[in-house]
Amino acid sequence: MLFYRTISLFLHNIGCTPAIFCIQSRTIAFGFHYICDIMGNERKIKVVVGLSGGVDSSVAAWLLLQQGYEVAGLFMRNWHDTTGTLQGDCPWYDDQVFAELVAKRLDIPFHIVDLSEQYRERVVDYMFDEYARGRTPNPDVLCNREIKFDVFLKEALKLGADFVATGHYCRREDEVVDGVVRHRLLAGVDPNKDQSYFLCQLSQEQLSRAMFPIGGMLKPEVREIAAREKLATAKRKDSQGICFVGKVDLPVFLQQKLAPSRGDIIEIPRSWSGYGQEAGDFGAFGSAPYRYSPSDGMKVGGHNGAHFYTIGQRKGLNVGGKAEPLFIIATDVEANVIYVGQGGDHPGLFRKALFVRRGEVHWISPDRRIPEGSSARREARIRYRQPLQKAVLHDTPEGIYIVFDEPQRGVTPGQFAAWYDGAELLGSGVIDE
């Protein structure tokens, strides 16, 4: 088996893509984009592409065809409810039409699978639960871990897939470490489109079946190929909003399960005494957030439920007459109070450290873990597209503390912190506080 893995990795490193080989009667059958079946007959490697109706997955399918793979398209129908969806946003049936047009143009089989039940259970219900707790979840990260590279992957395997491919701007590289093949998740080449953050919760098993054909390309190059090949998605806008749901009026969407409740908006002045305290007054490594009470500030308005709002939010407060815009600096769902501060540089928006509980810490590859009780200098981000920030990770029995060189704006419980070593995404975890 070690010989098989070494050969596979060798061919990968010299530009070949053997991908999977069968070992039959102590012989190894291998080739470029081919594998042997259970009877020892050679066949093309089959890749099922998650055709989303967007340009990126369309070009991913085209590239795989050019590379000699057997390709099929699979469209996921994950959401039917239009509650809270903003008018003009493309619903799932438009996505399906575009995906099917691309499949016809490429002359590849096209399949549809309805995963709406699993999506609601694993992603949407999780969203509701997190918002009810006063946290802000990231459904896109959950969607990739729970749907695209789990339920969808299993559906693709039913179609005979050896791999699944998506239009994510990221890369996978493999290397042998102590006789074991380790799959590395790397940032996409395009710095403006790198989507590795959204895949920060994937496991080695999930990555072993994943392909990212456009990870080494720039977005304009992808658009150029789509236009040249006359793909229907060539000029289609990139999707935005919640994964598979689209743009929504969040309070309306959340009111499906979370009832509105009137509460106060309290403005905290820049001169609040807590901002001058030492980091040690705010938990280990200064990771605890500021704790406010209504008496620390002045009531400036009302709201319909603290769980509908998130740290750093500016819009939707409906409070005027201030010299600078108001930003949410904290929420208290138990007391149903929102705390705000004037200006985008209000000290309440910034924190130097955060904490990820032990049970929420995820390492993409076990050999990249930091030994418990030790520290390591890495880079990290707390949201998509945020430039990587220099930081030190401290691994403790309770979990991981991330202490940044510079204070970070809008550290939000429920979001994912992801840490990197250069281009490689090492691990991630849900921000506890």
Protein backbone atom coordinates (compact mmCIF):
# COMPACT_ATOMS: atom_id res chain seq x y z
CA MET A 1 0.00 0.00 0.00
CA LEU A 2 2.86 2.36 0.79
CA PHE A 3 4.34 1.68 -2.65
CA TYR A 4 0.96 2.46 -4.24
CA ARG A 5 0.67 5.75 -2.35
CA THR A 6 4.25 6.73 -3.20
CA ILE A 7 3.71 6.03 -6.92
CA SER A 8 0.44 7.96 -6.86
CA LEU A 9 2.07 10.95 -5.18
CA PHE A 10 5.07 10.80 -7.54
CA LEU A 11 2.86 10.93 -10.64
CA HIS A 12 0.85 13.78 -9.10
CA ASN A 13 4.00 15.79 -8.42
CA ILE A 14 5.29 15.45 -11.99
CA GLY A 15 2.02 16.68 -13.42
CA CYS A 16 0.18 13.41 -13.94
CA THR A 17 -3.12 12.64 -12.27
CA PRO A 18 -3.43 8.92 -11.57
CA ALA A 19 -5.76 9.71 -8.66
CA ILE A 20 -6.83 6.16 -7.72
CA PHE A 21 -5.38 2.78 -8.51
CA CYS A 22 -6.72 -0.70 -7.83
CA ILE A 23 -4.40 -3.36 -6.52
CA GLN A 24 -5.42 -6.63 -8.14
CA SER A 25 -3.56 -9.86 -7.39
CA ARG A 26 -0.52 -7.92 -6.17
CA THR A 27 -0.31 -5.94 -9.41
CA ILE A 28 -0.79 -2.21 -9.78
CA ALA A 29 -2.82 -0.92 -12.70
CA PHE A 30 -2.34 2.76 -13.25
CA GLY A 31 -2.47 5.41 -15.94
CA PHE A 32 -3.29 9.00 -16.67
CA HIS A 33 -6.89 9.68 -15.60
CA TYR A 34 -7.71 5.97 -15.67
CA ILE A 35 -8.31 3.31 -13.03
CA CYS A 36 -9.07 -0.38 -13.19
CA ASP A 37 -12.46 -1.70 -12.15
CA ILE A 38 -13.12 -4.69 -9.93
CA MET A 39 -12.62 -7.02 -12.91
CA GLY A 40 -9.28 -5.44 -13.77
CA ASN A 41 -10.67 -3.56 -16.79
CA GLU A 42 -9.30 -0.07 -17.33
CA ARG A 43 -11.75 2.82 -17.33
CA LYS A 44 -11.66 6.58 -17.06
CA ILE A 45 -11.77 8.19 -13.66
CA LYS A 46 -15.26 9.57 -13.09
CA VAL A 47 -15.71 12.99 -11.56
CA VAL A 48 -19.12 14.33 -10.57
CA VAL A 49 -19.16 18.12 -10.63
CA GLY A 50 -21.49 20.08 -8.39
CA LEU A 51 -23.01 22.24 -11.12
CA SER A 52 -24.51 25.18 -9.25
CA GLY A 53 -25.64 27.28 -12.19
CA GLY A 54 -22.64 29.60 -11.78
CA VAL A 55 -19.66 30.25 -14.00
CA ASP A 56 -17.06 28.71 -11.67
CA SER A 57 -18.52 25.20 -11.52
CA SER A 58 -19.25 25.39 -15.26
CA VAL A 59 -15.61 26.04 -16.12
CA ALA A 60 -14.52 23.42 -13.59
CA ALA A 61 -16.52 20.82 -15.55
CA TRP A 62 -15.06 22.02 -18.86
CA LEU A 63 -11.50 21.80 -17.52
CA LEU A 64 -12.00 18.25 -16.29
CA LEU A 65 -13.28 17.21 -19.71
CA GLN A 66 -10.20 18.71 -21.34
CA GLN A 67 -8.02 16.78 -18.92
CA GLY A 68 -9.56 13.49 -19.99
CA TYR A 69 -11.89 12.61 -17.13
CA GLU A 70 -15.35 11.14 -17.42
CA VAL A 71 -17.54 13.99 -16.17
CA ALA A 72 -21.14 14.21 -14.98
CA GLY A 73 -23.04 17.15 -13.52
CA LEU A 74 -25.12 16.97 -10.35
CA PHE A 75 -27.34 19.85 -9.28
CA MET A 76 -28.39 20.16 -5.62
CA ARG A 77 -31.87 21.41 -4.89
CA ASN A 78 -31.48 22.48 -1.29
CA TRP A 79 -34.07 25.13 -0.54
CA HIS A 80 -37.68 25.73 -1.55
CA ASP A 81 -38.98 28.22 1.00
CA THR A 82 -38.95 31.85 -0.23
CA THR A 83 -39.77 33.41 3.16
CA GLY A 84 -37.58 36.48 3.60
CA THR A 85 -35.96 36.10 0.18
CA LEU A 86 -35.41 39.47 -1.46
CA GLN A 87 -37.20 39.99 -4.76
CA GLY A 88 -34.88 39.85 -7.75
CA ASP A 89 -32.51 37.30 -6.26
CA CYS A 90 -32.23 34.22 -8.47
CA PRO A 91 -34.13 31.31 -6.90
CA TRP A 92 -33.04 27.70 -7.19
CA TYR A 93 -35.02 27.01 -10.36
CA ASP A 94 -33.02 29.64 -12.29
CA ASP A 95 -29.82 28.01 -11.06
CA GLN A 96 -31.08 24.63 -12.23
CA VAL A 97 -31.88 25.96 -15.71
CA PHE A 98 -28.39 27.43 -16.11
CA ALA A 99 -26.75 24.27 -14.79
CA GLU A 100 -28.68 22.13 -17.26
CA LEU A 101 -27.79 24.46 -20.15
CA VAL A 102 -24.11 24.08 -19.29
CA ALA A 103 -24.40 20.30 -19.11
CA LYS A 104 -26.01 20.22 -22.55
CA ARG A 105 -23.32 22.46 -23.99
CA LEU A 106 -20.59 20.21 -22.57
CA ASP A 107 -22.54 17.08 -23.55
CA ILE A 108 -22.29 15.51 -20.11
CA PRO A 109 -24.95 13.64 -18.11
CA PHE A 110 -27.00 15.86 -15.83
CA HIS A 111 -28.60 14.75 -12.58
CA ILE A 112 -30.69 16.49 -9.93
CA VAL A 113 -30.90 15.60 -6.26
CA ASP A 114 -33.17 17.13 -3.63
CA LEU A 115 -31.26 17.63 -0.37
CA SER A 116 -33.62 20.18 1.14
CA GLU A 117 -34.50 18.02 4.14
CA GLN A 118 -30.86 17.45 5.06
CA TYR A 119 -30.05 21.11 4.41
CA ARG A 120 -32.77 22.26 6.76
CA GLU A 121 -31.70 19.83 9.48
CA ARG A 122 -27.96 20.38 9.27
CA VAL A 123 -27.63 24.02 8.22
CA VAL A 124 -30.82 26.05 8.65
CA ASP A 125 -31.84 24.63 12.03
CA TYR A 126 -28.27 25.22 13.22
CA MET A 127 -28.59 28.84 12.08
CA PHE A 128 -31.78 29.33 14.06
CA ASP A 129 -30.25 27.76 17.17
CA GLU A 130 -27.16 29.95 17.00
CA TYR A 131 -29.08 33.18 16.45
CA ALA A 132 -31.35 32.28 19.37
CA ARG A 133 -28.23 32.09 21.54
CA GLY A 134 -27.11 35.54 20.39
CA ARG A 135 -24.38 34.17 18.11
CA THR A 136 -23.84 34.75 14.39
CA PRO A 137 -23.29 31.48 12.47
CA ASN A 138 -21.60 31.04 9.11
CA PRO A 139 -23.95 28.84 7.05
CA ASP A 140 -21.53 28.64 4.10
CA VAL A 141 -18.91 26.84 6.17
CA LEU A 142 -21.56 24.46 7.52
CA CYS A 143 -22.98 23.91 4.04
CA ASN A 144 -19.62 22.72 2.74
CA ARG A 145 -18.93 20.43 5.70
CA GLU A 146 -22.42 18.99 6.08
CA ILE A 147 -23.88 19.11 2.56
CA LYS A 148 -21.47 19.51 -0.37
CA PHE A 149 -18.75 17.25 1.00
CA ASP A 150 -20.98 14.89 2.93
CA VAL A 151 -24.54 14.31 1.70
CA PHE A 152 -23.78 15.47 -1.84
CA LEU A 153 -20.59 13.40 -1.91
CA LYS A 154 -22.55 10.28 -0.97
CA GLU A 155 -25.06 10.98 -3.76
CA ALA A 156 -22.17 11.38 -6.21
CA LEU A 157 -20.70 8.06 -5.12
CA LYS A 158 -24.06 6.44 -5.90
CA LEU A 159 -23.57 7.69 -9.46
CA GLY A 160 -20.23 5.92 -9.64
CA ALA A 161 -18.03 8.91 -8.88
CA ASP A 162 -14.40 8.49 -7.91
CA PHE A 163 -14.17 12.18 -7.02
CA VAL A 164 -16.39 15.21 -6.66
CA ALA A 165 -15.38 18.61 -7.99
CA THR A 166 -16.60 22.10 -7.17
CA GLY A 167 -15.92 25.61 -8.41
CA HIS A 168 -14.14 26.72 -5.25
CA TYR A 169 -11.06 28.93 -5.55
CA CYS A 170 -8.74 26.78 -3.46
CA ARG A 171 -6.23 24.00 -4.03
CA ARG A 172 -5.48 20.54 -2.73
CA GLU A 173 -1.99 19.08 -2.59
CA ASP A 174 -0.92 15.69 -1.24
CA GLU A 175 2.26 14.57 0.43
CA VAL A 176 3.42 11.43 2.20
CA VAL A 177 4.20 11.93 5.89
CA ASP A 178 5.49 8.92 7.84
CA GLY A 179 4.06 6.62 5.21
CA VAL A 180 0.62 8.25 5.22
CA VAL A 181 -0.79 10.44 2.45
CA ARG A 182 -1.83 13.80 3.89
CA HIS A 183 -4.15 16.10 1.97
CA ARG A 184 -3.30 19.79 2.25
CA LEU A 185 -5.88 22.52 1.70
CA LEU A 186 -4.26 25.58 0.15
CA ALA A 187 -5.54 29.05 -0.64
CA GLY A 188 -6.62 29.77 -4.20
CA VAL A 189 -4.15 31.55 -6.46
CA ASP A 190 -6.52 34.47 -6.98
CA PRO A 191 -6.12 36.61 -3.83
CA ASN A 192 -9.44 38.34 -4.50
CA LYS A 193 -11.40 35.08 -4.73
CA ASP A 194 -9.64 32.66 -2.36
CA GLN A 195 -12.39 30.53 -0.80
CA SER A 196 -10.32 28.23 1.40
CA TYR A 197 -11.95 29.83 4.46
CA PHE A 198 -15.32 28.34 3.49
CA LEU A 199 -13.74 24.86 3.49
CA CYS A 200 -12.01 25.26 6.85
CA GLN A 201 -14.02 22.45 8.46
CA LEU A 202 -13.27 19.71 5.92
CA SER A 203 -11.68 16.45 7.06
CA GLN A 204 -8.97 14.33 5.48
CA GLU A 205 -11.60 11.86 4.34
CA GLN A 206 -13.61 14.60 2.63
CA LEU A 207 -10.54 16.12 0.97
CA SER A 208 -9.44 12.71 -0.34
CA ARG A 209 -12.44 12.77 -2.69
CA ALA A 210 -12.31 16.48 -3.57
CA MET A 211 -11.05 18.24 -6.67
CA PHE A 212 -10.81 22.01 -7.22
CA PRO A 213 -10.08 22.50 -10.93
CA ILE A 214 -10.08 26.32 -10.95
CA GLY A 215 -8.06 26.81 -7.77
CA GLY A 216 -4.95 27.75 -9.73
CA MET A 217 -6.75 30.30 -11.90
CA LEU A 218 -7.78 33.94 -11.72
CA LYS A 219 -11.44 34.90 -11.97
CA PRO A 220 -10.98 36.82 -15.27
CA GLU A 221 -9.42 33.69 -16.78
CA VAL A 222 -12.47 31.68 -15.74
CA ARG A 223 -14.81 34.22 -17.31
CA GLU A 224 -12.73 34.24 -20.47
CA ILE A 225 -12.95 30.46 -20.86
CA ALA A 226 -16.71 30.50 -20.25
CA ALA A 227 -17.21 33.16 -22.91
CA ARG A 228 -14.95 31.43 -25.43
CA GLU A 229 -16.71 28.11 -24.93
CA LYS A 230 -20.12 29.79 -25.11
CA LEU A 231 -21.25 28.57 -21.70
CA ALA A 232 -24.60 29.99 -20.61
CA THR A 233 -23.13 31.14 -17.29
CA ALA A 234 -20.32 33.23 -18.83
CA LYS A 235 -21.81 36.58 -17.82
CA ARG A 236 -23.92 35.46 -14.90
CA LYS A 237 -23.30 37.29 -11.63
CA ASP A 238 -21.76 35.44 -8.69
CA SER A 239 -24.24 34.23 -6.08
CA GLN A 240 -24.49 36.13 -2.81
CA GLY A 241 -26.27 35.71 0.49
CA ILE A 242 -26.89 32.53 2.46
CA CYS A 243 -25.64 29.36 0.78
CA PHE A 244 -28.48 27.97 -1.42
CA VAL A 245 -30.97 30.41 0.06
CA GLY A 246 -29.70 33.65 -1.45
CA LYS A 247 -30.14 37.21 -0.30
CA VAL A 248 -32.64 37.47 2.52
CA ASP A 249 -34.13 40.02 4.86
CA LEU A 250 -32.54 38.35 7.87
CA PRO A 251 -35.08 39.41 10.54
CA VAL A 252 -37.97 38.25 8.32
CA PHE A 253 -36.16 34.99 7.59
CA LEU A 254 -35.38 34.34 11.27
CA GLN A 255 -38.93 35.15 12.38
CA GLN A 256 -39.95 31.77 11.01
CA LYS A 257 -38.77 30.46 14.39
CA LEU A 258 -37.61 33.42 16.47
CA ALA A 259 -40.31 35.72 17.79
CA PRO A 260 -39.75 39.50 17.77
CA SER A 261 -39.46 41.22 21.14
CA ARG A 262 -39.04 44.91 21.88
CA GLY A 263 -35.85 45.93 23.66
CA ASP A 264 -33.56 48.88 24.24
CA ILE A 265 -30.59 50.18 22.26
CA ILE A 266 -27.94 51.53 24.63
CA GLU A 267 -25.12 53.77 23.41
CA ILE A 268 -21.76 53.23 25.12
CA PRO A 269 -19.42 56.26 25.09
CA ARG A 270 -15.77 55.99 24.03
CA SER A 271 -14.87 57.11 27.55
CA TRP A 272 -16.34 53.97 29.18
CA SER A 273 -13.97 52.96 31.98
CA GLY A 274 -13.68 49.34 30.86
CA TYR A 275 -11.67 50.29 27.79
CA GLY A 276 -8.77 51.31 29.98
CA GLN A 277 -8.48 48.04 31.89
CA GLU A 278 -5.64 45.58 31.48
CA ALA A 279 -6.07 42.56 29.19
CA GLY A 280 -5.90 40.25 32.20
CA ASP A 281 -9.19 41.66 33.40
CA PHE A 282 -10.88 40.08 30.38
CA GLY A 283 -10.12 36.37 30.80
CA ALA A 284 -7.11 34.33 29.72
CA PHE A 285 -4.96 36.17 27.17
CA GLY A 286 -7.53 39.00 27.23
CA SER A 287 -9.90 36.89 25.14
CA ALA A 288 -13.18 37.68 26.92
CA PRO A 289 -15.40 40.33 25.33
CA TYR A 290 -16.33 43.57 27.06
CA ARG A 291 -19.30 43.20 29.42
CA TYR A 292 -21.74 46.11 29.46
CA SER A 293 -24.83 46.97 31.48
CA PRO A 294 -27.54 49.52 30.59
CA SER A 295 -26.20 51.84 33.28
CA ASP A 296 -22.91 52.13 31.37
CA GLY A 297 -24.56 54.20 28.65
CA MET A 298 -27.67 55.98 27.45
CA LYS A 299 -30.80 54.65 25.77
CA VAL A 300 -31.00 55.97 22.19
CA GLY A 301 -33.70 53.78 20.63
CA GLY A 302 -35.48 50.44 20.49
CA HIS A 303 -35.31 47.20 18.49
CA ASN A 304 -37.42 44.11 17.78
CA GLY A 305 -35.12 41.42 19.17
CA ALA A 306 -31.42 41.30 20.05
CA HIS A 307 -31.06 37.92 18.30
CA PHE A 308 -31.74 39.60 14.93
CA TYR A 309 -28.54 41.67 15.14
CA THR A 310 -24.80 41.02 15.04
CA ILE A 311 -21.60 42.70 16.18
CA GLY A 312 -20.30 45.27 13.73
CA GLN A 313 -23.71 45.81 12.13
CA ARG A 314 -24.57 49.36 11.13
CA LYS A 315 -27.78 49.17 9.11
CA GLY A 316 -31.24 48.50 10.50
CA LEU A 317 -30.92 50.36 13.78
CA ASN A 318 -33.11 53.30 12.72
CA VAL A 319 -31.45 55.72 15.14
CA GLY A 320 -30.55 59.14 13.77
CA GLY A 321 -29.27 62.48 14.96
CA LYS A 322 -25.73 61.30 15.75
CA ALA A 323 -22.47 62.91 14.68
CA GLU A 324 -21.20 59.53 13.45
CA PRO A 325 -22.96 56.30 12.41
CA LEU A 326 -23.82 53.84 15.18
CA PHE A 327 -22.32 50.34 15.12
CA ILE A 328 -23.35 47.39 17.26
CA ILE A 329 -20.57 46.55 19.70
CA ALA A 330 -22.40 43.87 21.75
CA THR A 331 -25.73 42.09 22.12
CA ASP A 332 -27.35 40.56 25.20
CA VAL A 333 -30.14 38.18 24.17
CA GLU A 334 -31.06 37.30 27.76
CA ALA A 335 -31.74 40.92 28.67
CA ASN A 336 -32.74 41.70 25.07
CA VAL A 337 -30.40 44.71 24.90
CA ILE A 338 -28.25 45.96 22.03
CA TYR A 339 -25.16 48.05 22.79
CA VAL A 340 -23.87 50.49 20.17
CA GLY A 341 -21.03 52.96 19.76
CA GLN A 342 -20.46 55.93 17.49
CA GLY A 343 -18.02 55.57 14.61
CA GLY A 344 -16.29 52.71 12.86
CA ASP A 345 -13.25 53.17 15.11
CA HIS A 346 -15.16 52.92 18.38
CA PRO A 347 -12.97 50.97 20.87
CA GLY A 348 -15.83 48.56 21.59
CA LEU A 349 -15.52 47.18 18.06
CA PHE A 350 -11.94 45.96 18.57
CA ARG A 351 -10.45 43.03 20.43
CA LYS A 352 -6.97 41.60 20.62
CA ALA A 353 -7.82 37.94 21.29
CA LEU A 354 -10.50 35.26 20.98
CA PHE A 355 -11.20 31.77 22.31
CA VAL A 356 -12.21 28.48 20.62
CA ARG A 357 -13.40 25.72 22.96
CA ARG A 358 -11.62 22.37 22.80
CA GLY A 359 -14.63 20.57 21.37
CA GLU A 360 -14.90 23.11 18.55
CA VAL A 361 -11.24 22.95 17.47
CA HIS A 362 -10.77 21.27 14.08
CA TRP A 363 -7.44 20.37 12.49
CA ILE A 364 -7.59 19.56 8.77
CA SER A 365 -4.58 17.27 9.03
CA PRO A 366 -3.51 15.63 12.33
CA ASP A 367 0.19 16.13 11.65
CA ARG A 368 -0.28 19.92 11.68
CA ARG A 369 -1.64 20.10 15.21
CA ILE A 370 0.00 22.24 17.85
CA PRO A 371 0.93 20.09 20.86
CA GLU A 372 -1.25 20.80 23.88
CA GLY A 373 0.35 23.29 26.18
CA SER A 374 2.45 24.90 23.47
CA SER A 375 2.18 28.03 21.34
CA ALA A 376 2.92 28.77 17.70
CA ARG A 377 3.07 31.87 15.53
CA ARG A 378 0.61 31.62 12.66
CA GLU A 379 -1.72 33.78 10.60
CA ALA A 380 -5.48 33.81 11.04
CA ARG A 381 -8.70 35.33 9.76
CA ILE A 382 -12.12 35.66 11.35
CA ARG A 383 -14.19 36.21 8.21
CA TYR A 384 -14.15 35.57 4.48
CA ARG A 385 -11.86 37.85 2.46
CA GLN A 386 -10.24 39.34 5.53
CA PRO A 387 -6.48 39.65 4.89
CA LEU A 388 -4.56 37.15 6.98
CA GLN A 389 -3.58 38.61 10.36
CA LYS A 390 -0.41 37.77 12.29
CA ALA A 391 -1.18 36.00 15.55
CA VAL A 392 -0.01 33.51 18.15
CA LEU A 393 -2.04 30.37 18.84
CA HIS A 394 -1.95 29.07 22.43
CA ASP A 395 -3.16 25.49 22.83
CA THR A 396 -4.53 24.81 26.33
CA PRO A 397 -6.62 22.02 27.87
CA GLU A 398 -9.68 24.29 27.56
CA GLY A 399 -9.13 25.10 23.90
CA ILE A 400 -7.20 27.46 21.67
CA TYR A 401 -6.62 31.13 22.34
CA ILE A 402 -5.70 33.29 19.37
CA VAL A 403 -3.87 36.50 20.27
CA PHE A 404 -3.44 38.90 17.36
CA ASP A 405 -0.58 41.31 16.88
CA GLU A 406 -3.13 44.01 16.13
CA PRO A 407 -6.67 44.43 17.54
CA GLN A 408 -9.33 42.92 15.29
CA ARG A 409 -12.58 44.62 14.35
CA GLY A 410 -15.85 42.78 14.89
CA VAL A 411 -14.80 39.52 16.57
CA THR A 412 -18.15 37.71 16.57
CA PRO A 413 -19.14 34.60 18.55
CA GLY A 414 -20.50 31.89 16.26
CA GLN A 415 -18.26 32.79 13.34
CA PHE A 416 -15.28 30.64 12.40
CA ALA A 417 -11.69 31.56 13.04
CA ALA A 418 -9.31 29.86 10.59
CA TRP A 419 -5.54 29.68 10.95
CA TYR A 420 -2.90 29.28 8.27
CA ASP A 421 0.77 28.56 7.74
CA GLY A 422 1.54 30.46 4.57
CA ALA A 423 -0.93 29.32 1.92
CA GLU A 424 -1.95 26.20 3.84
CA LEU A 425 -5.12 26.26 5.93
CA LEU A 426 -4.28 24.29 9.05
CA GLY A 427 -7.45 24.35 11.10
CA SER A 428 -10.42 26.29 12.37
CA GLY A 429 -12.97 26.56 15.12
CA VAL A 430 -16.13 28.35 16.19
CA ILE A 431 -15.40 31.57 18.08
CA ASP A 432 -16.79 31.04 21.56
CA GLU A 433 -16.25 34.58 22.78
